Amino acid sequence: MAYKDGEDFTTYCDKEYDRHTYKLVLKSGEAVIFDDYENLRAHWFHWKPNCDHIEILDVTSGKGF
């Protein structure tokens, strides 16, 4: 089920996002990698005017199904 979480985020699952890394891409083309979803969200809100998009990267540490 999808729902609004604030103004800009839609959440599709209430489970923790711990099996991915995240790339925050800025409008300048620079990118910052995060391994913690909440840390990514904090930086997105802080740098919001400079953010372009977020990419979800698969973790290849052997976790998963």
PDB file of N, CA and C in Angstrom:
ATOM      1  N   MET A   1       0.842  -1.175   0.000  1.00  0.00           N
ATOM      2  CA  MET A   1       0.000   0.000   0.000  1.00  0.00           C
ATOM      3  C   MET A   1       0.888   1.239   0.000  1.00  0.00           C
ATOM      4  N   ALA A   2       0.535   2.213  -0.802  1.00  0.00           N
ATOM      5  CA  ALA A   2       1.290   3.456  -0.888  1.00  0.00           C
ATOM      6  C   ALA A   2       0.580   4.536  -0.068  1.00  0.00           C
ATOM      7  N   TYR A   3       1.357   5.425   0.534  1.00  0.00           N
ATOM      8  CA  TYR A   3       0.776   6.551   1.242  1.00  0.00           C
ATOM      9  C   TYR A   3       1.771   7.693   1.262  1.00  0.00           C
ATOM     10  N   LYS A   4       1.276   8.880   1.471  1.00  0.00           N
ATOM     11  CA  LYS A   4       2.133  10.053   1.528  1.00  0.00           C
ATOM     12  C   LYS A   4       2.812  10.112   2.882  1.00  0.00           C
ATOM     13  N   ASP A   5       4.098  10.402   2.851  1.00  0.00           N
ATOM     14  CA  ASP A   5       4.901  10.566   4.053  1.00  0.00           C
ATOM     15  C   ASP A   5       5.549  11.942   3.938  1.00  0.00           C
ATOM     16  N   GLY A   6       4.889  12.977   4.429  1.00  0.00           N
ATOM     17  CA  GLY A   6       5.364  14.334   4.204  1.00  0.00           C
ATOM     18  C   GLY A   6       4.911  14.798   2.831  1.00  0.00           C
ATOM     19  N   GLU A   7       5.621  15.751   2.256  1.00  0.00           N
ATOM     20  CA  GLU A   7       5.231  16.293   0.967  1.00  0.00           C
ATOM     21  C   GLU A   7       5.864  15.564  -0.207  1.00  0.00           C
ATOM     22  N   ASP A   8       7.038  14.962  -0.024  1.00  0.00           N
ATOM     23  CA  ASP A   8       7.793  14.484  -1.168  1.00  0.00           C
ATOM     24  C   ASP A   8       8.042  12.988  -1.230  1.00  0.00           C
ATOM     25  N   PHE A   9       7.780  12.260  -0.186  1.00  0.00           N
ATOM     26  CA  PHE A   9       8.088  10.842  -0.155  1.00  0.00           C
ATOM     27  C   PHE A   9       6.816  10.011  -0.121  1.00  0.00           C
ATOM     28  N   THR A  10       6.783   8.988  -0.932  1.00  0.00           N
ATOM     29  CA  THR A  10       5.719   8.012  -0.887  1.00  0.00           C
ATOM     30  C   THR A  10       6.339   6.694  -0.458  1.00  0.00           C
ATOM     31  N   THR A  11       5.768   6.056   0.537  1.00  0.00           N
ATOM     32  CA  THR A  11       6.304   4.817   1.066  1.00  0.00           C
ATOM     33  C   THR A  11       5.441   3.657   0.587  1.00  0.00           C
ATOM     34  N   TYR A  12       6.073   2.622   0.090  1.00  0.00           N
ATOM     35  CA  TYR A  12       5.339   1.462  -0.401  1.00  0.00           C
ATOM     36  C   TYR A  12       5.435   0.276   0.551  1.00  0.00           C
ATOM     37  N   CYS A  13       6.309   0.345   1.535  1.00  0.00           N
ATOM     38  CA  CYS A  13       6.499  -0.765   2.456  1.00  0.00           C
ATOM     39  C   CYS A  13       6.957  -0.211   3.794  1.00  0.00           C
ATOM     40  N   ASP A  14       6.409  -0.718   4.876  1.00  0.00           N
ATOM     41  CA  ASP A  14       6.786  -0.237   6.200  1.00  0.00           C
ATOM     42  C   ASP A  14       8.024  -0.929   6.758  1.00  0.00           C
ATOM     43  N   LYS A  15       8.552  -1.928   6.051  1.00  0.00           N
ATOM     44  CA  LYS A  15       9.753  -2.615   6.522  1.00  0.00           C
ATOM     45  C   LYS A  15      10.970  -1.710   6.370  1.00  0.00           C
ATOM     46  N   GLU A  16      12.011  -1.972   7.172  1.00  0.00           N
ATOM     47  CA  GLU A  16      13.226  -1.181   7.085  1.00  0.00           C
ATOM     48  C   GLU A  16      13.887  -1.356   5.722  1.00  0.00           C
ATOM     49  N   TYR A  17      14.498  -0.278   5.254  1.00  0.00           N
ATOM     50  CA  TYR A  17      15.217  -0.291   3.980  1.00  0.00           C
ATOM     51  C   TYR A  17      16.690  -0.567   4.266  1.00  0.00           C
ATOM     52  N   ASP A  18      17.022  -1.812   4.588  1.00  0.00           N
ATOM     53  CA  ASP A  18      18.390  -2.116   4.990  1.00  0.00           C
ATOM     54  C   ASP A  18      19.119  -2.999   3.996  1.00  0.00           C
ATOM     55  N   ARG A  19      18.515  -3.295   2.880  1.00  0.00           N
ATOM     56  CA  ARG A  19      19.159  -4.183   1.919  1.00  0.00           C
ATOM     57  C   ARG A  19      19.602  -3.450   0.664  1.00  0.00           C
ATOM     58  N   HIS A  20      19.685  -2.152   0.744  1.00  0.00           N
ATOM     59  CA  HIS A  20      20.098  -1.352  -0.397  1.00  0.00           C
ATOM     60  C   HIS A  20      21.083  -0.299   0.048  1.00  0.00           C
ATOM     61  N   THR A  21      21.796   0.223  -0.925  1.00  0.00           N
ATOM     62  CA  THR A  21      22.509   1.473  -0.729  1.00  0.00           C
ATOM     63  C   THR A  21      21.834   2.471  -1.649  1.00  0.00           C
ATOM     64  N   TYR A  22      22.042   3.737  -1.379  1.00  0.00           N
ATOM     65  CA  TYR A  22      21.328   4.791  -2.077  1.00  0.00           C
ATOM     66  C   TYR A  22      22.322   5.814  -2.604  1.00  0.00           C
ATOM     67  N   LYS A  23      22.082   6.277  -3.819  1.00  0.00           N
ATOM     68  CA  LYS A  23      22.911   7.316  -4.416  1.00  0.00           C
ATOM     69  C   LYS A  23      22.054   8.564  -4.570  1.00  0.00           C
ATOM     70  N   LEU A  24      22.439   9.622  -3.863  1.00  0.00           N
ATOM     71  CA  LEU A  24      21.776  10.908  -3.981  1.00  0.00           C
ATOM     72  C   LEU A  24      22.536  11.702  -5.028  1.00  0.00           C
ATOM     73  N   VAL A  25      21.884  11.981  -6.150  1.00  0.00           N
ATOM     74  CA  VAL A  25      22.514  12.692  -7.253  1.00  0.00           C
ATOM     75  C   VAL A  25      22.092  14.155  -7.200  1.00  0.00           C
ATOM     76  N   LEU A  26      23.083  15.034  -7.161  1.00  0.00           N
ATOM     77  CA  LEU A  26      22.821  16.469  -7.098  1.00  0.00           C
ATOM     78  C   LEU A  26      22.714  17.049  -8.504  1.00  0.00           C
ATOM     79  N   LYS A  27      22.114  18.220  -8.635  1.00  0.00           N
ATOM     80  CA  LYS A  27      21.955  18.868  -9.937  1.00  0.00           C
ATOM     81  C   LYS A  27      23.290  19.184 -10.582  1.00  0.00           C
ATOM     82  N   SER A  28      24.348  19.295  -9.785  1.00  0.00           N
ATOM     83  CA  SER A  28      25.688  19.569 -10.309  1.00  0.00           C
ATOM     84  C   SER A  28      26.315  18.327 -10.944  1.00  0.00           C
ATOM     85  N   GLY A  29      25.680  17.164 -10.757  1.00  0.00           N
ATOM     86  CA  GLY A  29      26.219  15.914 -11.274  1.00  0.00           C
ATOM     87  C   GLY A  29      26.989  15.131 -10.229  1.00  0.00           C
ATOM     88  N   GLU A  30      27.315  15.762  -9.111  1.00  0.00           N
ATOM     89  CA  GLU A  30      27.989  15.052  -8.018  1.00  0.00           C
ATOM     90  C   GLU A  30      27.010  14.065  -7.398  1.00  0.00           C
ATOM     91  N   ALA A  31      27.545  13.031  -6.766  1.00  0.00           N
ATOM     92  CA  ALA A  31      26.699  12.029  -6.125  1.00  0.00           C
ATOM     93  C   ALA A  31      27.285  11.649  -4.770  1.00  0.00           C
ATOM     94  N   VAL A  32      26.392  11.327  -3.839  1.00  0.00           N
ATOM     95  CA  VAL A  32      26.778  10.893  -2.499  1.00  0.00           C
ATOM     96  C   VAL A  32      26.091   9.557  -2.257  1.00  0.00           C
ATOM     97  N   ILE A  33      26.850   8.568  -1.753  1.00  0.00           N
ATOM     98  CA  ILE A  33      26.319   7.235  -1.495  1.00  0.00           C
ATOM     99  C   ILE A  33      25.982   7.114  -0.002  1.00  0.00           C
ATOM    100  N   PHE A  34      24.812   6.545   0.285  1.00  0.00           N
ATOM    101  CA  PHE A  34      24.358   6.318   1.655  1.00  0.00           C
ATOM    102  C   PHE A  34      23.994   4.853   1.823  1.00  0.00           C
ATOM    103  N   ASP A  35      24.272   4.303   3.006  1.00  0.00           N
ATOM    104  CA  ASP A  35      23.847   2.932   3.286  1.00  0.00           C
ATOM    105  C   ASP A  35      22.711   2.897   4.310  1.00  0.00           C
ATOM    106  N   ASP A  36      22.246   4.069   4.701  1.00  0.00           N
ATOM    107  CA  ASP A  36      21.167   4.166   5.674  1.00  0.00           C
ATOM    108  C   ASP A  36      20.067   5.064   5.113  1.00  0.00           C
ATOM    109  N   TYR A  37      18.858   4.542   5.006  1.00  0.00           N
ATOM    110  CA  TYR A  37      17.748   5.264   4.404  1.00  0.00           C
ATOM    111  C   TYR A  37      17.404   6.554   5.159  1.00  0.00           C
ATOM    112  N   GLU A  38      17.382   6.496   6.473  1.00  0.00           N
ATOM    113  CA  GLU A  38      17.028   7.685   7.257  1.00  0.00           C
ATOM    114  C   GLU A  38      18.081   8.782   7.094  1.00  0.00           C
ATOM    115  N   ASN A  39      19.347   8.408   6.998  1.00  0.00           N
ATOM    116  CA  ASN A  39      20.405   9.382   6.755  1.00  0.00           C
ATOM    117  C   ASN A  39      20.222  10.020   5.373  1.00  0.00           C
ATOM    118  N   LEU A  40      19.880   9.212   4.390  1.00  0.00           N
ATOM    119  CA  LEU A  40      19.590   9.725   3.048  1.00  0.00           C
ATOM    120  C   LEU A  40      18.453  10.740   3.094  1.00  0.00           C
ATOM    121  N   ARG A  41      17.373  10.403   3.766  1.00  0.00           N
ATOM    122  CA  ARG A  41      16.223  11.319   3.855  1.00  0.00           C
ATOM    123  C   ARG A  41      16.611  12.642   4.498  1.00  0.00           C
ATOM    124  N   ALA A  42      17.404  12.577   5.570  1.00  0.00           N
ATOM    125  CA  ALA A  42      17.832  13.803   6.248  1.00  0.00           C
ATOM    126  C   ALA A  42      18.629  14.693   5.304  1.00  0.00           C
ATOM    127  N   HIS A  43      19.537  14.092   4.541  1.00  0.00           N
ATOM    128  CA  HIS A  43      20.333  14.870   3.589  1.00  0.00           C
ATOM    129  C   HIS A  43      19.478  15.404   2.439  1.00  0.00           C
ATOM    130  N   TRP A  44      18.499  14.612   1.974  1.00  0.00           N
ATOM    131  CA  TRP A  44      17.606  15.077   0.914  1.00  0.00           C
ATOM    132  C   TRP A  44      16.884  16.350   1.360  1.00  0.00           C
ATOM    133  N   PHE A  45      16.332  16.345   2.564  1.00  0.00           N
ATOM    134  CA  PHE A  45      15.610  17.524   3.034  1.00  0.00           C
ATOM    135  C   PHE A  45      16.541  18.710   3.242  1.00  0.00           C
ATOM    136  N   HIS A  46      17.767  18.453   3.685  1.00  0.00           N
ATOM    137  CA  HIS A  46      18.733  19.525   3.917  1.00  0.00           C
ATOM    138  C   HIS A  46      19.199  20.137   2.592  1.00  0.00           C
ATOM    139  N   TRP A  47      19.471  19.306   1.595  1.00  0.00           N
ATOM    140  CA  TRP A  47      20.007  19.760   0.303  1.00  0.00           C
ATOM    141  C   TRP A  47      18.943  19.843  -0.779  1.00  0.00           C
ATOM    142  N   LYS A  48      17.681  19.800  -0.417  1.00  0.00           N
ATOM    143  CA  LYS A  48      16.570  19.675  -1.363  1.00  0.00           C
ATOM    144  C   LYS A  48      16.681  20.571  -2.607  1.00  0.00           C
ATOM    145  N   PRO A  49      17.037  21.845  -2.488  1.00  0.00           N
ATOM    146  CA  PRO A  49      17.114  22.682  -3.689  1.00  0.00           C
ATOM    147  C   PRO A  49      18.193  22.217  -4.686  1.00  0.00           C
ATOM    148  N   ASN A  50      19.181  21.484  -4.197  1.00  0.00           N
ATOM    149  CA  ASN A  50      20.292  21.038  -5.046  1.00  0.00           C
ATOM    150  C   ASN A  50      20.152  19.591  -5.508  1.00  0.00           C
ATOM    151  N   CYS A  51      19.119  18.888  -5.067  1.00  0.00           N
ATOM    152  CA  CYS A  51      18.957  17.465  -5.385  1.00  0.00           C
ATOM    153  C   CYS A  51      18.273  17.274  -6.730  1.00  0.00           C
ATOM    154  N   ASP A  52      18.746  16.270  -7.463  1.00  0.00           N
ATOM    155  CA  ASP A  52      18.124  15.919  -8.728  1.00  0.00           C
ATOM    156  C   ASP A  52      17.275  14.660  -8.579  1.00  0.00           C
ATOM    157  N   HIS A  53      17.906  13.569  -8.104  1.00  0.00           N
ATOM    158  CA  HIS A  53      17.168  12.320  -7.928  1.00  0.00           C
ATOM    159  C   HIS A  53      17.938  11.370  -7.023  1.00  0.00           C
ATOM    160  N   ILE A  54      17.281  10.275  -6.667  1.00  0.00           N
ATOM    161  CA  ILE A  54      17.884   9.229  -5.837  1.00  0.00           C
ATOM    162  C   ILE A  54      17.856   7.929  -6.621  1.00  0.00           C
ATOM    163  N   GLU A  55      18.977   7.214  -6.606  1.00  0.00           N
ATOM    164  CA  GLU A  55      19.051   5.892  -7.220  1.00  0.00           C
ATOM    165  C   GLU A  55      19.182   4.858  -6.117  1.00  0.00           C
ATOM    166  N   ILE A  56      18.455   3.755  -6.236  1.00  0.00           N
ATOM    167  CA  ILE A  56      18.546   2.657  -5.278  1.00  0.00           C
ATOM    168  C   ILE A  56      19.488   1.624  -5.869  1.00  0.00           C
ATOM    169  N   LEU A  57      20.552   1.320  -5.133  1.00  0.00           N
ATOM    170  CA  LEU A  57      21.565   0.386  -5.599  1.00  0.00           C
ATOM    171  C   LEU A  57      21.441  -0.910  -4.809  1.00  0.00           C
ATOM    172  N   ASP A  58      21.506  -2.033  -5.475  1.00  0.00           N
ATOM    173  CA  ASP A  58      21.441  -3.315  -4.793  1.00  0.00           C
ATOM    174  C   ASP A  58      22.733  -3.580  -4.028  1.00  0.00           C
ATOM    175  N   VAL A  59      22.588  -4.128  -2.852  1.00  0.00           N
ATOM    176  CA  VAL A  59      23.731  -4.555  -2.066  1.00  0.00           C
ATOM    177  C   VAL A  59      24.099  -5.957  -2.513  1.00  0.00           C
ATOM    178  N   THR A  60      25.360  -6.221  -2.731  1.00  0.00           N
ATOM    179  CA  THR A  60      25.780  -7.541  -3.195  1.00  0.00           C
ATOM    180  C   THR A  60      26.540  -8.303  -2.106  1.00  0.00           C
ATOM    181  N   SER A  61      26.114  -8.114  -0.853  1.00  0.00           N
ATOM    182  CA  SER A  61      26.809  -8.738   0.264  1.00  0.00           C
ATOM    183  C   SER A  61      26.322 -10.162   0.554  1.00  0.00           C
ATOM    184  N   GLY A  62      25.390 -10.650  -0.240  1.00  0.00           N
ATOM    185  CA  GLY A  62      24.876 -11.993   0.000  1.00  0.00           C
ATOM    186  C   GLY A  62      23.581 -12.017   0.790  1.00  0.00           C
ATOM    187  N   LYS A  63      23.125 -10.872   1.282  1.00  0.00           N
ATOM    188  CA  LYS A  63      21.828 -10.828   1.968  1.00  0.00           C
ATOM    189  C   LYS A  63      20.734 -11.021   0.937  1.00  0.00           C
ATOM    190  N   GLY A  64      19.613 -11.413   1.386  1.00  0.00           N
ATOM    191  CA  GLY A  64      18.463 -11.475   0.497  1.00  0.00           C
ATOM    192  C   GLY A  64      17.932 -12.867   0.334  1.00  0.00           C
ATOM    193  N   PHE A  65      17.198 -13.055  -0.712  1.00  0.00           N
ATOM    194  CA  PHE A  65      16.504 -14.318  -0.926  1.00  0.00           C
ATOM    195  C   PHE A  65      17.298 -15.233  -1.807  1.00  0.00           C
TER     196      PHE A  65
END
